[in-house]
Amino acid sequence: MKLFVTGAAGFIGSNYVRHVVEASDDTVVIFDALTYAGNMASIDDVLGDRVSFVHGDVTDREAVAAAMAGCQQVVHFAAESHVDRSISGPDAFVRTNCDGTNVMCDIARQLEIDRFLHVSTDEVYGSVETGSSVETDCLDPRSPYSASKAGSDLIARSYFTTYGLPVIITRASNNYGPYQFPEKVIPLFTTNLLDGASVPLYGDGLNIRDWLHVEDHCAGIDEVLRNGVPGEIYNIGGGNEITNRELTDRLLELCGRDESAIDHVEDRLGHDRRYSIDCSKLRAIGWAPAHDFAEGLEKTVEWYRHNRAWWEPLKADTRAAR
């Protein structure tokens, strides 16, 4: 099988390509625009006979069509994904997440792709005060990022209903693990703490997130790609709901720091209080998370501790751009 994987120079996509190479005989075409969060250093080790790279933007029809030709299945990761950036600059999120998904689906339809897996997020359900979101719940996105992802989900589903494109959607909880761009909370806090700096904790720190190891997410995506039902949606969660303050305390301990390193900052605009998803639908077809959160978090901190050459240039570039 030849897979077309967008956004695979990013965090989850690069880990997914590693999963494919290790778990199958499939070949992969990586298609990535190499925006600030795309990094060739995240995929250099997998490029070779089975994995090729094409530099391109998912909103560019000609580039997408040329690169996708000859592939049988698509896994669409490419997206703008940082909530804070979406609040300060929403246009790029609508362009990439909505326009890009429309281009991807339309080209896939024309090329008669066998399966099209669209990777989404639990944030499209909005803040969940009680219980857990199931795949049939109404969407209630509350940031430009989550709204653009909800829009992309609906665009992808419309191609299944209207054209019969075999679209499947996954919605995952917060990911953690190696190769995550150091603007997201775990790599940002970890690298700051390792450098002796403080960490910015929003509001009262009691917002709750469910943490999913990226390798478990990749295994879930692969399960859905191979055994999921076209037209369906599958939640992928880790079952590790904790507050941001508890997460911060764990990172402080793992990095040998104390609470004096916490910088309490004004809360994010429209900050969702809690995300929680029910993953029983995916578990019913054979998937379950394999990583213990405490162990996975410790190994993640160790990865950043020993891979400064990967993240230090990214943080330097981010500071220079401000």
Protein backbone atom coordinates (compact mmCIF):
# COMPACT_ATOMS: atom_id res chain seq x y z
CA MET A 1 0.00 0.00 0.00
CA LYS A 2 1.19 3.51 -0.80
CA LEU A 3 0.08 6.16 1.69
CA PHE A 4 -0.12 9.91 1.16
CA VAL A 5 0.45 11.56 4.55
CA THR A 6 0.08 15.32 4.91
CA GLY A 7 1.74 17.30 7.68
CA ALA A 8 4.10 14.45 8.46
CA ALA A 9 7.06 16.71 9.22
CA GLY A 10 5.09 17.75 12.28
CA PHE A 11 4.66 16.11 15.67
CA ILE A 12 1.95 13.48 15.25
CA GLY A 13 2.53 12.93 11.54
CA SER A 14 6.23 12.17 11.92
CA ASN A 15 5.49 9.68 14.68
CA TYR A 16 2.80 8.11 12.51
CA VAL A 17 5.23 7.57 9.64
CA ARG A 18 7.61 5.82 12.05
CA HIS A 19 4.71 3.62 13.16
CA VAL A 20 3.89 2.70 9.56
CA VAL A 21 7.51 1.88 8.72
CA GLU A 22 7.87 -0.32 11.81
CA ALA A 23 4.46 -2.04 11.66
CA SER A 24 3.93 -2.64 7.93
CA ASP A 25 5.47 -2.92 4.48
CA ASP A 26 3.64 0.19 3.25
CA THR A 27 5.39 3.01 1.44
CA VAL A 28 4.74 6.65 2.32
CA VAL A 29 4.74 9.98 0.51
CA ILE A 30 5.12 12.80 3.04
CA PHE A 31 3.55 16.07 1.89
CA ASP A 32 4.34 19.06 4.09
CA ALA A 33 4.55 22.84 3.68
CA LEU A 34 7.28 23.09 6.33
CA THR A 35 5.66 25.95 8.19
CA TYR A 36 7.17 26.86 11.57
CA ALA A 37 5.99 23.57 13.15
CA GLY A 38 7.22 21.38 10.29
CA ASN A 39 10.78 20.22 10.74
CA MET A 40 12.89 18.05 8.46
CA ALA A 41 14.91 17.04 11.53
CA SER A 42 11.80 15.14 12.68
CA ILE A 43 11.78 12.88 9.62
CA ASP A 44 15.38 12.66 8.41
CA ASP A 45 15.78 9.27 10.05
CA VAL A 46 12.83 7.71 8.16
CA LEU A 47 13.44 9.06 4.66
CA GLY A 48 14.68 6.42 2.23
CA ASP A 49 13.43 3.71 -0.10
CA ARG A 50 10.00 3.47 1.58
CA VAL A 51 9.48 7.09 2.60
CA SER A 52 9.75 10.08 0.27
CA PHE A 53 9.18 13.78 0.91
CA VAL A 54 7.38 16.38 -1.20
CA HIS A 55 7.39 20.05 -0.16
CA GLY A 56 3.94 21.45 -0.81
CA ASP A 57 0.89 23.25 0.57
CA VAL A 58 -2.46 21.45 0.96
CA THR A 59 -4.23 24.48 -0.54
CA ASP A 60 -2.24 24.10 -3.79
CA ARG A 61 -4.39 21.92 -6.06
CA GLU A 62 -1.73 21.22 -8.67
CA ALA A 63 0.89 20.30 -6.10
CA VAL A 64 -1.51 18.03 -4.20
CA ALA A 65 -2.69 16.28 -7.37
CA ALA A 66 0.85 15.64 -8.60
CA ALA A 67 2.06 14.30 -5.28
CA MET A 68 -1.02 12.20 -4.48
CA ALA A 69 -1.08 10.45 -7.87
CA GLY A 70 -0.31 6.75 -7.49
CA CYS A 71 -1.23 6.59 -3.80
CA GLN A 72 -4.09 4.40 -2.57
CA GLN A 73 -4.86 5.88 0.85
CA VAL A 74 -4.60 9.31 2.47
CA VAL A 75 -3.96 10.27 6.10
CA HIS A 76 -4.56 14.01 6.47
CA PHE A 77 -2.73 15.54 9.46
CA ALA A 78 -1.82 18.92 7.98
CA ALA A 79 -3.37 21.67 10.09
CA GLU A 80 -2.72 24.82 12.02
CA SER A 81 -3.22 23.62 15.58
CA HIS A 82 -2.17 26.10 18.27
CA VAL A 83 -5.09 27.76 20.05
CA ASP A 84 -3.16 30.86 21.12
CA ARG A 85 -1.99 31.48 17.56
CA SER A 86 -5.57 31.07 16.30
CA ILE A 87 -6.73 33.78 18.71
CA SER A 88 -4.12 36.25 17.49
CA GLY A 89 -4.30 35.27 13.80
CA PRO A 90 -7.34 33.20 12.77
CA ASP A 91 -7.07 33.62 8.98
CA ALA A 92 -4.31 31.04 8.54
CA PHE A 93 -6.37 28.48 10.45
CA VAL A 94 -9.40 28.82 8.18
CA ARG A 95 -7.19 28.74 5.08
CA THR A 96 -5.20 25.63 5.98
CA ASN A 97 -7.78 23.68 7.94
CA CYS A 98 -10.89 24.39 5.86
CA ASP A 99 -9.65 25.33 2.39
CA GLY A 100 -6.84 22.78 2.59
CA THR A 101 -9.18 19.97 3.59
CA ASN A 102 -11.53 20.85 0.74
CA VAL A 103 -8.66 20.67 -1.77
CA MET A 104 -7.44 17.39 -0.30
CA CYS A 105 -10.87 15.78 -0.45
CA ASP A 106 -11.58 17.01 -3.96
CA ILE A 107 -8.28 15.74 -5.37
CA ALA A 108 -8.72 12.43 -3.53
CA ARG A 109 -12.19 12.12 -5.07
CA GLN A 110 -10.84 12.72 -8.56
CA LEU A 111 -8.03 10.19 -8.05
CA GLU A 112 -10.49 7.63 -6.59
CA ILE A 113 -8.51 7.16 -3.37
CA ASP A 114 -9.44 3.94 -1.52
CA ARG A 115 -9.56 5.51 1.96
CA PHE A 116 -9.26 9.06 3.27
CA LEU A 117 -8.60 9.43 7.00
CA HIS A 118 -9.08 12.96 8.33
CA VAL A 119 -7.34 13.60 11.66
CA SER A 120 -9.28 15.93 13.97
CA THR A 121 -9.46 16.87 17.64
CA ASP A 122 -11.67 16.48 20.71
CA GLU A 123 -11.75 20.29 20.93
CA VAL A 124 -14.53 20.37 18.31
CA TYR A 125 -16.94 19.14 21.02
CA GLY A 126 -16.29 22.21 23.13
CA SER A 127 -16.01 22.34 26.91
CA VAL A 128 -17.50 19.26 28.58
CA GLU A 129 -18.56 19.99 32.15
CA THR A 130 -19.84 16.48 32.93
CA GLY A 131 -19.69 13.10 31.22
CA SER A 132 -17.75 12.38 28.04
CA SER A 133 -18.31 13.29 24.39
CA VAL A 134 -19.39 10.59 21.95
CA GLU A 135 -19.01 10.76 18.21
CA THR A 136 -22.64 11.69 17.56
CA ASP A 137 -22.63 14.71 19.91
CA CYS A 138 -23.26 18.17 18.45
CA LEU A 139 -20.14 20.23 17.86
CA ASP A 140 -19.57 23.33 19.96
CA PRO A 141 -16.12 24.73 19.11
CA ARG A 142 -15.09 27.78 21.11
CA SER A 143 -11.84 29.02 19.53
CA PRO A 144 -10.89 29.88 15.93
CA TYR A 145 -8.71 26.75 15.96
CA SER A 146 -11.41 24.34 17.06
CA ALA A 147 -13.99 26.06 14.84
CA SER A 148 -11.74 25.62 11.81
CA LYS A 149 -11.25 21.95 12.69
CA ALA A 150 -15.00 21.46 13.12
CA GLY A 151 -15.45 23.08 9.72
CA SER A 152 -12.88 20.75 8.18
CA ASP A 153 -14.66 17.74 9.71
CA LEU A 154 -17.92 18.83 8.09
CA ILE A 155 -16.22 19.43 4.75
CA ALA A 156 -14.68 15.96 4.83
CA ARG A 157 -17.99 14.33 5.79
CA SER A 158 -19.77 16.16 2.97
CA TYR A 159 -17.46 14.46 0.47
CA PHE A 160 -18.53 11.09 1.84
CA THR A 161 -22.24 11.95 1.60
CA THR A 162 -22.15 13.80 -1.72
CA TYR A 163 -19.44 12.01 -3.67
CA GLY A 164 -18.95 8.73 -1.87
CA LEU A 165 -15.34 9.51 -0.97
CA PRO A 166 -14.49 6.88 1.70
CA VAL A 167 -13.80 9.38 4.48
CA ILE A 168 -13.16 8.34 8.07
CA ILE A 169 -12.59 10.89 10.85
CA THR A 170 -10.66 10.51 14.09
CA ARG A 171 -10.89 12.94 17.01
CA ALA A 172 -8.09 12.68 19.55
CA SER A 173 -7.40 14.14 22.96
CA ASN A 174 -4.22 16.08 23.84
CA ASN A 175 -1.10 14.30 22.63
CA TYR A 176 2.33 14.15 24.25
CA GLY A 177 5.60 12.48 23.33
CA PRO A 178 8.79 13.09 21.31
CA TYR A 179 9.13 15.61 18.47
CA GLN A 180 6.36 17.95 19.67
CA PHE A 181 6.98 21.59 18.79
CA PRO A 182 7.93 23.47 21.98
CA GLU A 183 4.97 25.85 22.02
CA LYS A 184 2.56 23.19 23.37
CA VAL A 185 2.31 22.84 27.11
CA ILE A 186 4.36 19.70 27.85
CA PRO A 187 7.39 20.45 25.65
CA LEU A 188 7.23 24.16 26.49
CA PHE A 189 7.14 23.58 30.23
CA THR A 190 9.71 20.78 30.06
CA THR A 191 12.25 22.74 28.02
CA ASN A 192 11.74 25.87 30.11
CA LEU A 193 12.29 23.91 33.31
CA LEU A 194 15.37 22.18 31.93
CA ASP A 195 16.77 25.62 31.07
CA GLY A 196 16.09 26.98 34.56
CA ALA A 197 13.26 29.23 33.36
CA SER A 198 9.71 29.62 34.67
CA VAL A 199 6.53 28.15 33.18
CA PRO A 200 3.37 30.16 32.35
CA LEU A 201 0.32 28.54 33.96
CA TYR A 202 -3.00 29.91 32.75
CA GLY A 203 -5.59 31.12 35.28
CA ASP A 204 -6.21 28.86 38.26
CA GLY A 205 -4.67 25.86 36.51
CA LEU A 206 -7.78 23.73 37.02
CA ASN A 207 -8.62 23.21 33.35
CA ILE A 208 -8.78 19.46 32.66
CA ARG A 209 -7.30 17.67 29.68
CA ASP A 210 -7.05 13.98 28.73
CA TRP A 211 -3.50 13.01 27.76
CA LEU A 212 -2.78 10.49 25.00
CA HIS A 213 0.71 9.27 24.14
CA VAL A 214 1.43 10.00 20.48
CA GLU A 215 2.36 6.35 19.83
CA ASP A 216 -1.04 5.24 21.11
CA HIS A 217 -2.66 7.85 18.87
CA CYS A 218 -0.73 6.56 15.86
CA ALA A 219 -1.77 2.99 16.62
CA GLY A 220 -5.38 4.15 16.85
CA ILE A 221 -5.18 5.96 13.52
CA ASP A 222 -3.71 2.89 11.87
CA GLU A 223 -6.46 0.71 13.34
CA VAL A 224 -9.13 3.05 11.98
CA LEU A 225 -7.46 3.34 8.58
CA ARG A 226 -7.40 -0.43 8.16
CA ASN A 227 -10.58 -1.49 9.95
CA GLY A 228 -12.76 1.58 10.43
CA VAL A 229 -16.02 2.06 8.55
CA PRO A 230 -16.11 4.83 5.90
CA GLY A 231 -18.43 7.65 6.90
CA GLU A 232 -17.83 7.04 10.61
CA ILE A 233 -16.05 9.03 13.32
CA TYR A 234 -13.83 7.49 16.02
CA ASN A 235 -12.66 9.14 19.25
CA ILE A 236 -9.11 8.36 20.41
CA GLY A 237 -8.30 9.21 24.04
CA GLY A 238 -5.76 8.19 26.62
CA GLY A 239 -8.04 8.01 29.66
CA ASN A 240 -5.69 10.30 31.61
CA GLU A 241 -7.73 13.32 32.69
CA ILE A 242 -5.79 15.69 34.97
CA THR A 243 -5.75 19.41 35.66
CA ASN A 244 -3.10 21.64 34.16
CA ARG A 245 -1.86 22.35 37.67
CA GLU A 246 -1.38 18.64 38.38
CA LEU A 247 0.43 18.24 35.06
CA THR A 248 2.66 21.17 35.97
CA ASP A 249 3.46 19.65 39.36
CA ARG A 250 4.45 16.36 37.72
CA LEU A 251 6.75 18.15 35.29
CA LEU A 252 8.30 20.17 38.11
CA GLU A 253 9.13 16.95 39.94
CA LEU A 254 10.53 15.23 36.84
CA CYS A 255 12.72 18.24 36.07
CA GLY A 256 13.93 18.71 39.65
CA ARG A 257 12.24 22.09 40.14
CA ASP A 258 9.72 23.44 42.66
CA GLU A 259 6.58 25.56 42.50
CA SER A 260 8.59 28.79 42.59
CA ALA A 261 9.11 28.12 38.86
CA ILE A 262 5.39 28.65 38.17
CA ASP A 263 4.45 32.00 36.65
CA HIS A 264 0.70 32.47 37.04
CA VAL A 265 -0.55 34.33 33.95
CA GLU A 266 -3.89 35.73 32.83
CA ASP A 267 -6.20 33.02 31.53
CA ARG A 268 -6.53 32.37 27.81
CA LEU A 269 -9.54 33.96 26.11
CA GLY A 270 -12.45 31.49 25.96
CA HIS A 271 -10.38 28.82 27.72
CA ASP A 272 -12.34 25.53 27.68
CA ARG A 273 -12.62 24.08 31.17
CA ARG A 274 -12.62 20.36 30.39
CA TYR A 275 -12.33 17.95 27.48
CA SER A 276 -13.40 14.33 27.81
CA ILE A 277 -14.16 11.75 25.13
CA ASP A 278 -15.71 8.29 25.17
CA CYS A 279 -13.52 5.89 23.15
CA SER A 280 -15.63 2.75 23.43
CA LYS A 281 -16.39 2.76 19.70
CA LEU A 282 -12.70 2.43 18.79
CA ARG A 283 -12.02 -0.03 21.59
CA ALA A 284 -14.75 -2.24 20.12
CA ILE A 285 -12.67 -2.78 16.96
CA GLY A 286 -9.55 -3.76 18.89
CA TRP A 287 -7.62 -0.66 19.98
CA ALA A 288 -6.60 0.33 23.50
CA PRO A 289 -3.87 2.71 24.75
CA ALA A 290 -0.69 0.89 25.74
CA HIS A 291 1.21 3.63 27.58
CA ASP A 292 0.96 4.29 31.31
CA PHE A 293 0.76 8.07 31.71
CA ALA A 294 3.28 8.42 34.54
CA GLU A 295 5.83 6.30 32.71
CA GLY A 296 5.09 7.92 29.35
CA LEU A 297 5.49 11.41 30.78
CA GLU A 298 8.79 10.52 32.42
CA LYS A 299 10.13 9.09 29.14
CA THR A 300 8.94 12.19 27.29
CA VAL A 301 10.83 14.47 29.68
CA GLU A 302 13.92 12.30 29.24
CA TRP A 303 13.61 12.57 25.46
CA TYR A 304 13.69 16.37 25.67
CA ARG A 305 16.50 16.21 28.19
CA HIS A 306 18.65 14.22 25.74
CA ASN A 307 17.58 15.88 22.47
CA ARG A 308 18.48 19.52 22.94
CA ALA A 309 19.89 19.59 19.42
CA TRP A 310 16.35 19.07 18.13
CA TRP A 311 14.45 21.64 20.23
CA GLU A 312 16.94 24.40 21.03
CA PRO A 313 17.02 25.78 17.45
CA LEU A 314 13.21 25.77 17.34
CA LYS A 315 12.94 27.83 20.51
CA ALA A 316 15.65 30.20 19.29
CA ASP A 317 13.79 30.72 16.00
CA THR A 318 10.53 31.35 17.87
CA ARG A 319 12.16 33.98 20.09
CA ALA A 320 13.78 35.65 17.07
CA ALA A 321 10.43 35.87 15.27
CA ARG A 322 8.79 37.80 18.10
